[in-house]
Amino acid sequence: MLNLTYEFKLKPTAKQVAIFEDWLEQCRRVYNYALAERKDWFKSRSCQINACSIRSEYIIPADTPRPTYASQCNALTAYRKTSDALQSVQSQVLQQTLKRLEKALLVCGNKTTASLALKKQEICARLYSHNWGLTQFTIEQ
């Protein structure tokens, strides 16, 4: 049996590059917001009940459930209806961003989010390069 492999080089147009950069920016913002929400929830439960400082601690109501992938996807769906920037990005791409955060937290043991950092713009281009959903490329073989 003979296996052939092909290597394709994608050459997006300037308009497509602008779309990709916008998608990456929106994915970065969704990731950072979801991570910050989880960090705030963990920090609000990290101090002793008799030693919490009102000025320096995060105060989130005690009955607030822990943010999960499902709850953040539901919140994202509701927010997408009001945000023009998020409506330009496919919903599966944004959900995949939340799924990546969930996997990162599982690798950390989900005990703390201290080791996870907010994403910077230059890092996002590497992480999300294979999630581009456009099909109109010029392909060179």
N, C-alpha and C. Protein backbone atom coordinates (compact mmCIF):
# COMPACT_ATOMS: atom_id res chain seq x y z
N MET A 1 0.84 -1.17 0.00
CA MET A 1 0.00 0.00 0.00
C MET A 1 0.89 1.24 0.00
N LEU A 2 0.52 2.18 -0.82
CA LEU A 2 1.29 3.41 -0.98
C LEU A 2 0.52 4.57 -0.37
N ASN A 3 1.13 5.26 0.56
CA ASN A 3 0.51 6.43 1.19
C ASN A 3 1.12 7.69 0.62
N LEU A 4 0.28 8.57 0.14
CA LEU A 4 0.74 9.85 -0.37
C LEU A 4 0.31 10.95 0.60
N THR A 5 1.19 11.89 0.82
CA THR A 5 0.83 13.04 1.65
C THR A 5 1.04 14.30 0.84
N TYR A 6 0.20 15.26 1.05
CA TYR A 6 0.29 16.53 0.37
C TYR A 6 0.47 17.63 1.39
N GLU A 7 1.20 18.63 1.01
CA GLU A 7 1.36 19.80 1.86
C GLU A 7 0.80 21.00 1.12
N PHE A 8 -0.13 21.69 1.76
CA PHE A 8 -0.76 22.85 1.16
C PHE A 8 -0.33 24.10 1.90
N LYS A 9 -0.09 25.13 1.17
CA LYS A 9 0.24 26.41 1.77
C LYS A 9 -0.92 27.36 1.52
N LEU A 10 -1.50 27.86 2.60
CA LEU A 10 -2.63 28.77 2.49
C LEU A 10 -2.13 30.20 2.37
N LYS A 11 -2.69 30.91 1.42
CA LYS A 11 -2.32 32.31 1.23
C LYS A 11 -3.60 33.15 1.29
N PRO A 12 -4.00 33.54 2.52
CA PRO A 12 -5.23 34.33 2.63
C PRO A 12 -5.04 35.72 2.05
N THR A 13 -6.12 36.27 1.57
CA THR A 13 -6.10 37.64 1.07
C THR A 13 -6.02 38.60 2.24
N ALA A 14 -5.82 39.86 1.94
CA ALA A 14 -5.72 40.87 3.01
C ALA A 14 -7.03 40.96 3.79
N LYS A 15 -8.15 40.82 3.08
CA LYS A 15 -9.45 40.87 3.74
C LYS A 15 -9.63 39.67 4.69
N GLN A 16 -9.18 38.50 4.24
CA GLN A 16 -9.28 37.31 5.09
C GLN A 16 -8.36 37.41 6.30
N VAL A 17 -7.18 37.98 6.12
CA VAL A 17 -6.27 38.18 7.25
C VAL A 17 -6.90 39.10 8.29
N ALA A 18 -7.59 40.13 7.84
CA ALA A 18 -8.27 41.04 8.77
C ALA A 18 -9.38 40.30 9.53
N ILE A 19 -10.10 39.43 8.84
CA ILE A 19 -11.15 38.64 9.49
C ILE A 19 -10.53 37.70 10.52
N PHE A 20 -9.44 37.04 10.15
CA PHE A 20 -8.77 36.12 11.08
C PHE A 20 -8.29 36.84 12.32
N GLU A 21 -7.70 38.01 12.14
CA GLU A 21 -7.21 38.78 13.29
C GLU A 21 -8.34 39.21 14.20
N ASP A 22 -9.49 39.56 13.61
CA ASP A 22 -10.65 39.92 14.42
C ASP A 22 -11.14 38.70 15.20
N TRP A 23 -11.18 37.56 14.54
CA TRP A 23 -11.60 36.33 15.23
C TRP A 23 -10.66 36.00 16.38
N LEU A 24 -9.37 36.12 16.14
CA LEU A 24 -8.40 35.84 17.20
C LEU A 24 -8.57 36.79 18.38
N GLU A 25 -8.82 38.03 18.08
CA GLU A 25 -9.03 39.01 19.15
C GLU A 25 -10.28 38.67 19.97
N GLN A 26 -11.35 38.29 19.31
CA GLN A 26 -12.58 37.94 20.02
C GLN A 26 -12.37 36.66 20.84
N CYS A 27 -11.65 35.69 20.29
CA CYS A 27 -11.35 34.47 21.06
C CYS A 27 -10.50 34.78 22.28
N ARG A 28 -9.53 35.68 22.12
CA ARG A 28 -8.69 36.07 23.25
C ARG A 28 -9.52 36.74 24.34
N ARG A 29 -10.43 37.61 23.93
CA ARG A 29 -11.27 38.30 24.91
C ARG A 29 -12.20 37.33 25.64
N VAL A 30 -12.77 36.37 24.91
CA VAL A 30 -13.64 35.38 25.54
C VAL A 30 -12.84 34.53 26.52
N TYR A 31 -11.66 34.09 26.12
CA TYR A 31 -10.80 33.28 26.99
C TYR A 31 -10.43 34.05 28.25
N ASN A 32 -9.98 35.29 28.08
CA ASN A 32 -9.56 36.09 29.23
C ASN A 32 -10.72 36.38 30.17
N TYR A 33 -11.90 36.67 29.62
CA TYR A 33 -13.05 36.95 30.48
C TYR A 33 -13.46 35.70 31.25
N ALA A 34 -13.49 34.56 30.57
CA ALA A 34 -13.89 33.31 31.24
C ALA A 34 -12.87 32.93 32.32
N LEU A 35 -11.58 33.11 32.02
CA LEU A 35 -10.56 32.81 33.03
C LEU A 35 -10.67 33.76 34.21
N ALA A 36 -10.89 35.04 33.95
CA ALA A 36 -11.02 36.01 35.04
C ALA A 36 -12.24 35.69 35.90
N GLU A 37 -13.32 35.26 35.26
CA GLU A 37 -14.53 34.90 36.02
C GLU A 37 -14.24 33.73 36.95
N ARG A 38 -13.52 32.74 36.45
CA ARG A 38 -13.18 31.58 37.29
C ARG A 38 -12.20 31.95 38.40
N LYS A 39 -11.20 32.79 38.07
CA LYS A 39 -10.24 33.22 39.10
C LYS A 39 -10.94 34.00 40.20
N ASP A 40 -11.85 34.89 39.83
CA ASP A 40 -12.58 35.67 40.83
C ASP A 40 -13.40 34.76 41.73
N TRP A 41 -14.02 33.74 41.15
CA TRP A 41 -14.82 32.82 41.96
C TRP A 41 -13.93 32.08 42.96
N PHE A 42 -12.76 31.59 42.49
CA PHE A 42 -11.86 30.89 43.40
C PHE A 42 -11.32 31.82 44.48
N LYS A 43 -10.96 33.05 44.10
CA LYS A 43 -10.41 34.00 45.08
C LYS A 43 -11.45 34.38 46.12
N SER A 44 -12.71 34.40 45.73
CA SER A 44 -13.75 34.76 46.69
C SER A 44 -13.95 33.69 47.75
N ARG A 45 -13.45 32.50 47.50
CA ARG A 45 -13.59 31.41 48.46
C ARG A 45 -12.26 31.00 49.09
N SER A 46 -11.23 31.81 48.93
CA SER A 46 -9.91 31.42 49.40
C SER A 46 -9.58 31.90 50.82
N CYS A 47 -10.36 32.80 51.38
CA CYS A 47 -10.02 33.31 52.71
C CYS A 47 -10.90 32.68 53.78
N GLN A 48 -10.42 32.75 55.00
CA GLN A 48 -11.20 32.26 56.14
C GLN A 48 -12.41 33.17 56.33
N ILE A 49 -13.49 32.63 56.75
CA ILE A 49 -14.72 33.42 56.92
C ILE A 49 -14.57 34.47 58.02
N ASN A 50 -13.74 34.21 59.03
CA ASN A 50 -13.57 35.17 60.11
C ASN A 50 -12.40 36.12 59.88
N ALA A 51 -11.70 35.97 58.74
CA ALA A 51 -10.52 36.80 58.50
C ALA A 51 -10.57 37.54 57.17
N CYS A 52 -11.69 37.54 56.50
CA CYS A 52 -11.78 38.21 55.20
C CYS A 52 -11.78 39.73 55.37
N SER A 53 -11.06 40.39 54.51
CA SER A 53 -11.05 41.83 54.49
C SER A 53 -12.03 42.30 53.42
N ILE A 54 -12.90 43.21 53.78
CA ILE A 54 -13.89 43.70 52.82
C ILE A 54 -13.21 44.51 51.72
N ARG A 55 -12.10 45.14 52.03
CA ARG A 55 -11.42 45.98 51.04
C ARG A 55 -10.57 45.20 50.05
N SER A 56 -9.97 44.09 50.46
CA SER A 56 -9.02 43.43 49.59
C SER A 56 -9.48 42.08 49.04
N GLU A 57 -10.62 41.59 49.45
CA GLU A 57 -11.09 40.29 48.98
C GLU A 57 -12.20 40.46 47.95
N TYR A 58 -12.31 39.48 47.10
CA TYR A 58 -13.41 39.45 46.14
C TYR A 58 -14.67 39.01 46.86
N ILE A 59 -15.72 39.76 46.72
CA ILE A 59 -16.95 39.41 47.40
C ILE A 59 -17.97 39.00 46.35
N ILE A 60 -18.17 37.72 46.26
CA ILE A 60 -19.17 37.14 45.37
C ILE A 60 -20.12 36.37 46.29
N PRO A 61 -21.42 36.49 46.08
CA PRO A 61 -22.36 35.80 46.98
C PRO A 61 -22.04 34.32 47.12
N ALA A 62 -22.26 33.80 48.32
CA ALA A 62 -21.91 32.42 48.63
C ALA A 62 -22.73 31.42 47.82
N ASP A 63 -23.93 31.78 47.41
CA ASP A 63 -24.75 30.84 46.66
C ASP A 63 -24.48 30.87 45.15
N THR A 64 -23.50 31.66 44.72
CA THR A 64 -23.14 31.70 43.30
C THR A 64 -22.45 30.39 42.94
N PRO A 65 -22.94 29.67 41.95
CA PRO A 65 -22.30 28.40 41.58
C PRO A 65 -20.95 28.62 40.91
N ARG A 66 -20.12 27.60 40.98
CA ARG A 66 -18.80 27.66 40.34
C ARG A 66 -18.98 27.75 38.83
N PRO A 67 -18.26 28.66 38.15
CA PRO A 67 -18.36 28.74 36.70
C PRO A 67 -17.84 27.46 36.04
N THR A 68 -18.61 26.90 35.15
CA THR A 68 -18.22 25.69 34.43
C THR A 68 -18.29 25.96 32.93
N TYR A 69 -17.85 24.99 32.16
CA TYR A 69 -17.91 25.12 30.70
C TYR A 69 -19.35 25.35 30.26
N ALA A 70 -20.28 24.57 30.80
CA ALA A 70 -21.69 24.68 30.39
C ALA A 70 -22.28 26.04 30.77
N SER A 71 -22.01 26.50 31.98
CA SER A 71 -22.59 27.77 32.41
C SER A 71 -21.99 28.94 31.62
N GLN A 72 -20.70 28.85 31.31
CA GLN A 72 -20.08 29.92 30.54
C GLN A 72 -20.52 29.90 29.08
N CYS A 73 -20.80 28.71 28.53
CA CYS A 73 -21.35 28.64 27.16
C CYS A 73 -22.74 29.25 27.12
N ASN A 74 -23.55 29.00 28.14
CA ASN A 74 -24.89 29.60 28.20
C ASN A 74 -24.80 31.12 28.30
N ALA A 75 -23.89 31.61 29.12
CA ALA A 75 -23.72 33.06 29.25
C ALA A 75 -23.19 33.66 27.95
N LEU A 76 -22.32 32.94 27.28
CA LEU A 76 -21.77 33.41 26.01
C LEU A 76 -22.87 33.49 24.94
N THR A 77 -23.75 32.51 24.93
CA THR A 77 -24.87 32.52 23.98
C THR A 77 -25.76 33.73 24.21
N ALA A 78 -26.03 34.03 25.46
CA ALA A 78 -26.87 35.19 25.77
C ALA A 78 -26.16 36.50 25.39
N TYR A 79 -24.85 36.58 25.64
CA TYR A 79 -24.12 37.81 25.34
C TYR A 79 -23.92 37.99 23.85
N ARG A 80 -23.81 36.89 23.11
CA ARG A 80 -23.63 36.99 21.64
C ARG A 80 -24.80 37.70 20.97
N LYS A 81 -25.97 37.60 21.56
CA LYS A 81 -27.16 38.23 20.97
C LYS A 81 -27.07 39.75 21.04
N THR A 82 -26.29 40.28 21.98
CA THR A 82 -26.20 41.73 22.15
C THR A 82 -24.89 42.32 21.63
N SER A 83 -23.91 41.48 21.32
CA SER A 83 -22.59 41.97 20.90
C SER A 83 -22.39 41.77 19.41
N ASP A 84 -22.20 42.87 18.70
CA ASP A 84 -21.94 42.79 17.26
C ASP A 84 -20.59 42.13 16.96
N ALA A 85 -19.60 42.39 17.79
CA ALA A 85 -18.27 41.83 17.57
C ALA A 85 -18.29 40.30 17.68
N LEU A 86 -19.02 39.77 18.67
CA LEU A 86 -19.08 38.32 18.83
C LEU A 86 -19.97 37.66 17.78
N GLN A 87 -20.91 38.38 17.23
CA GLN A 87 -21.78 37.81 16.20
C GLN A 87 -21.01 37.55 14.91
N SER A 88 -19.91 38.25 14.70
CA SER A 88 -19.13 38.04 13.49
C SER A 88 -18.31 36.75 13.54
N VAL A 89 -18.15 36.17 14.73
CA VAL A 89 -17.38 34.94 14.91
C VAL A 89 -18.35 33.78 15.03
N GLN A 90 -18.00 32.66 14.41
CA GLN A 90 -18.86 31.48 14.51
C GLN A 90 -18.94 31.00 15.96
N SER A 91 -20.12 30.54 16.35
CA SER A 91 -20.32 30.15 17.74
C SER A 91 -19.46 28.95 18.13
N GLN A 92 -19.20 28.05 17.19
CA GLN A 92 -18.38 26.87 17.50
C GLN A 92 -16.95 27.27 17.83
N VAL A 93 -16.46 28.32 17.19
CA VAL A 93 -15.09 28.79 17.46
C VAL A 93 -15.00 29.32 18.89
N LEU A 94 -16.01 30.09 19.30
CA LEU A 94 -16.00 30.63 20.66
C LEU A 94 -16.18 29.53 21.70
N GLN A 95 -17.02 28.55 21.39
CA GLN A 95 -17.20 27.43 22.32
C GLN A 95 -15.92 26.61 22.43
N GLN A 96 -15.19 26.48 21.32
CA GLN A 96 -13.92 25.78 21.35
C GLN A 96 -12.92 26.51 22.24
N THR A 97 -12.99 27.83 22.25
CA THR A 97 -12.13 28.62 23.12
C THR A 97 -12.42 28.30 24.59
N LEU A 98 -13.70 28.21 24.93
CA LEU A 98 -14.06 27.85 26.31
C LEU A 98 -13.67 26.41 26.62
N LYS A 99 -13.75 25.53 25.63
CA LYS A 99 -13.35 24.13 25.83
C LYS A 99 -11.85 24.04 26.11
N ARG A 100 -11.05 24.88 25.42
CA ARG A 100 -9.61 24.90 25.67
C ARG A 100 -9.30 25.35 27.10
N LEU A 101 -10.06 26.33 27.58
CA LEU A 101 -9.87 26.78 28.96
C LEU A 101 -10.23 25.66 29.93
N GLU A 102 -11.32 24.96 29.66
CA GLU A 102 -11.73 23.85 30.53
C GLU A 102 -10.65 22.77 30.57
N LYS A 103 -10.08 22.43 29.43
CA LYS A 103 -9.02 21.42 29.38
C LYS A 103 -7.78 21.89 30.14
N ALA A 104 -7.44 23.17 30.00
CA ALA A 104 -6.28 23.71 30.72
C ALA A 104 -6.49 23.63 32.22
N LEU A 105 -7.72 23.88 32.67
CA LEU A 105 -8.00 23.80 34.10
C LEU A 105 -7.96 22.35 34.59
N LEU A 106 -8.38 21.42 33.75
CA LEU A 106 -8.31 20.01 34.14
C LEU A 106 -6.86 19.54 34.25
N VAL A 107 -6.00 20.04 33.38
CA VAL A 107 -4.58 19.70 33.45
C VAL A 107 -3.97 20.25 34.74
N CYS A 108 -4.41 21.44 35.15
CA CYS A 108 -3.91 22.04 36.39
C CYS A 108 -4.45 21.35 37.63
N GLY A 109 -5.37 20.45 37.47
CA GLY A 109 -5.96 19.79 38.61
C GLY A 109 -7.19 20.50 39.13
N ASN A 110 -7.55 21.62 38.49
CA ASN A 110 -8.74 22.39 38.84
C ASN A 110 -8.75 22.84 40.29
N LYS A 111 -7.59 22.80 40.96
CA LYS A 111 -7.51 23.26 42.34
C LYS A 111 -7.40 24.77 42.41
N THR A 112 -6.61 25.31 41.53
CA THR A 112 -6.43 26.75 41.49
C THR A 112 -6.17 27.18 40.06
N THR A 113 -6.44 28.42 39.79
CA THR A 113 -6.19 28.95 38.46
C THR A 113 -4.98 29.88 38.46
N ALA A 114 -4.19 29.81 39.51
CA ALA A 114 -3.06 30.73 39.64
C ALA A 114 -2.02 30.52 38.55
N SER A 115 -1.87 29.28 38.07
CA SER A 115 -0.85 29.03 37.06
C SER A 115 -1.29 29.40 35.65
N LEU A 116 -2.58 29.65 35.45
CA LEU A 116 -3.07 30.06 34.13
C LEU A 116 -3.00 31.57 34.01
N ALA A 117 -2.52 32.04 32.88
CA ALA A 117 -2.37 33.48 32.67
C ALA A 117 -3.30 33.93 31.54
N LEU A 118 -3.59 35.20 31.55
CA LEU A 118 -4.39 35.77 30.48
C LEU A 118 -3.59 35.73 29.19
N LYS A 119 -4.28 35.55 28.08
CA LYS A 119 -3.63 35.44 26.78
C LYS A 119 -3.28 36.81 26.23
N LYS A 120 -2.12 36.90 25.63
CA LYS A 120 -1.70 38.12 24.95
C LYS A 120 -1.96 37.95 23.46
N GLN A 121 -2.00 39.03 22.74
CA GLN A 121 -2.36 38.98 21.32
C GLN A 121 -1.39 38.14 20.49
N GLU A 122 -0.08 38.25 20.73
CA GLU A 122 0.87 37.53 19.89
C GLU A 122 0.83 36.02 20.11
N ILE A 123 0.38 35.57 21.28
CA ILE A 123 0.30 34.15 21.57
C ILE A 123 -0.92 33.53 20.87
N CYS A 124 -1.99 34.28 20.75
CA CYS A 124 -3.23 33.75 20.20
C CYS A 124 -3.08 33.32 18.75
N ALA A 125 -2.25 33.95 17.99
CA ALA A 125 -2.08 33.57 16.59
C ALA A 125 -1.59 32.14 16.46
N ARG A 126 -0.73 31.70 17.37
CA ARG A 126 -0.25 30.32 17.34
C ARG A 126 -1.31 29.34 17.82
N LEU A 127 -2.02 29.69 18.88
CA LEU A 127 -2.95 28.75 19.49
C LEU A 127 -4.17 28.46 18.63
N TYR A 128 -4.65 29.46 17.93
CA TYR A 128 -5.90 29.30 17.21
C TYR A 128 -5.71 29.23 15.70
N SER A 129 -4.51 28.98 15.24
CA SER A 129 -4.25 29.04 13.81
C SER A 129 -5.02 27.97 13.04
N HIS A 130 -5.32 26.84 13.64
CA HIS A 130 -6.02 25.79 12.89
C HIS A 130 -7.53 25.84 13.04
N ASN A 131 -8.08 26.82 13.75
CA ASN A 131 -9.53 26.92 13.92
C ASN A 131 -10.19 27.85 12.92
N TRP A 132 -9.45 28.34 11.93
CA TRP A 132 -10.04 29.26 10.98
C TRP A 132 -11.01 28.50 10.12
N GLY A 133 -12.24 28.97 10.03
CA GLY A 133 -13.28 28.24 9.33
C GLY A 133 -13.54 28.69 7.92
N LEU A 134 -12.77 29.61 7.38
CA LEU A 134 -13.02 30.07 6.02
C LEU A 134 -12.49 29.06 5.02
N THR A 135 -13.14 28.98 3.88
CA THR A 135 -12.74 27.99 2.87
C THR A 135 -12.23 28.63 1.59
N GLN A 136 -12.31 29.93 1.44
CA GLN A 136 -11.90 30.58 0.19
C GLN A 136 -10.45 31.03 0.29
N PHE A 137 -9.54 30.12 0.05
CA PHE A 137 -8.13 30.41 0.06
C PHE A 137 -7.56 30.14 -1.32
N THR A 138 -6.45 30.77 -1.61
CA THR A 138 -5.70 30.35 -2.78
C THR A 138 -4.73 29.28 -2.29
N ILE A 139 -4.77 28.11 -2.89
CA ILE A 139 -3.97 26.97 -2.43
C ILE A 139 -2.88 26.67 -3.46
N GLU A 140 -1.66 26.57 -2.96
CA GLU A 140 -0.53 26.24 -3.80
C GLU A 140 -0.05 24.85 -3.44
N GLN A 141 0.23 24.04 -4.43
CA GLN A 141 0.66 22.68 -4.14
C GLN A 141 2.11 22.50 -4.49
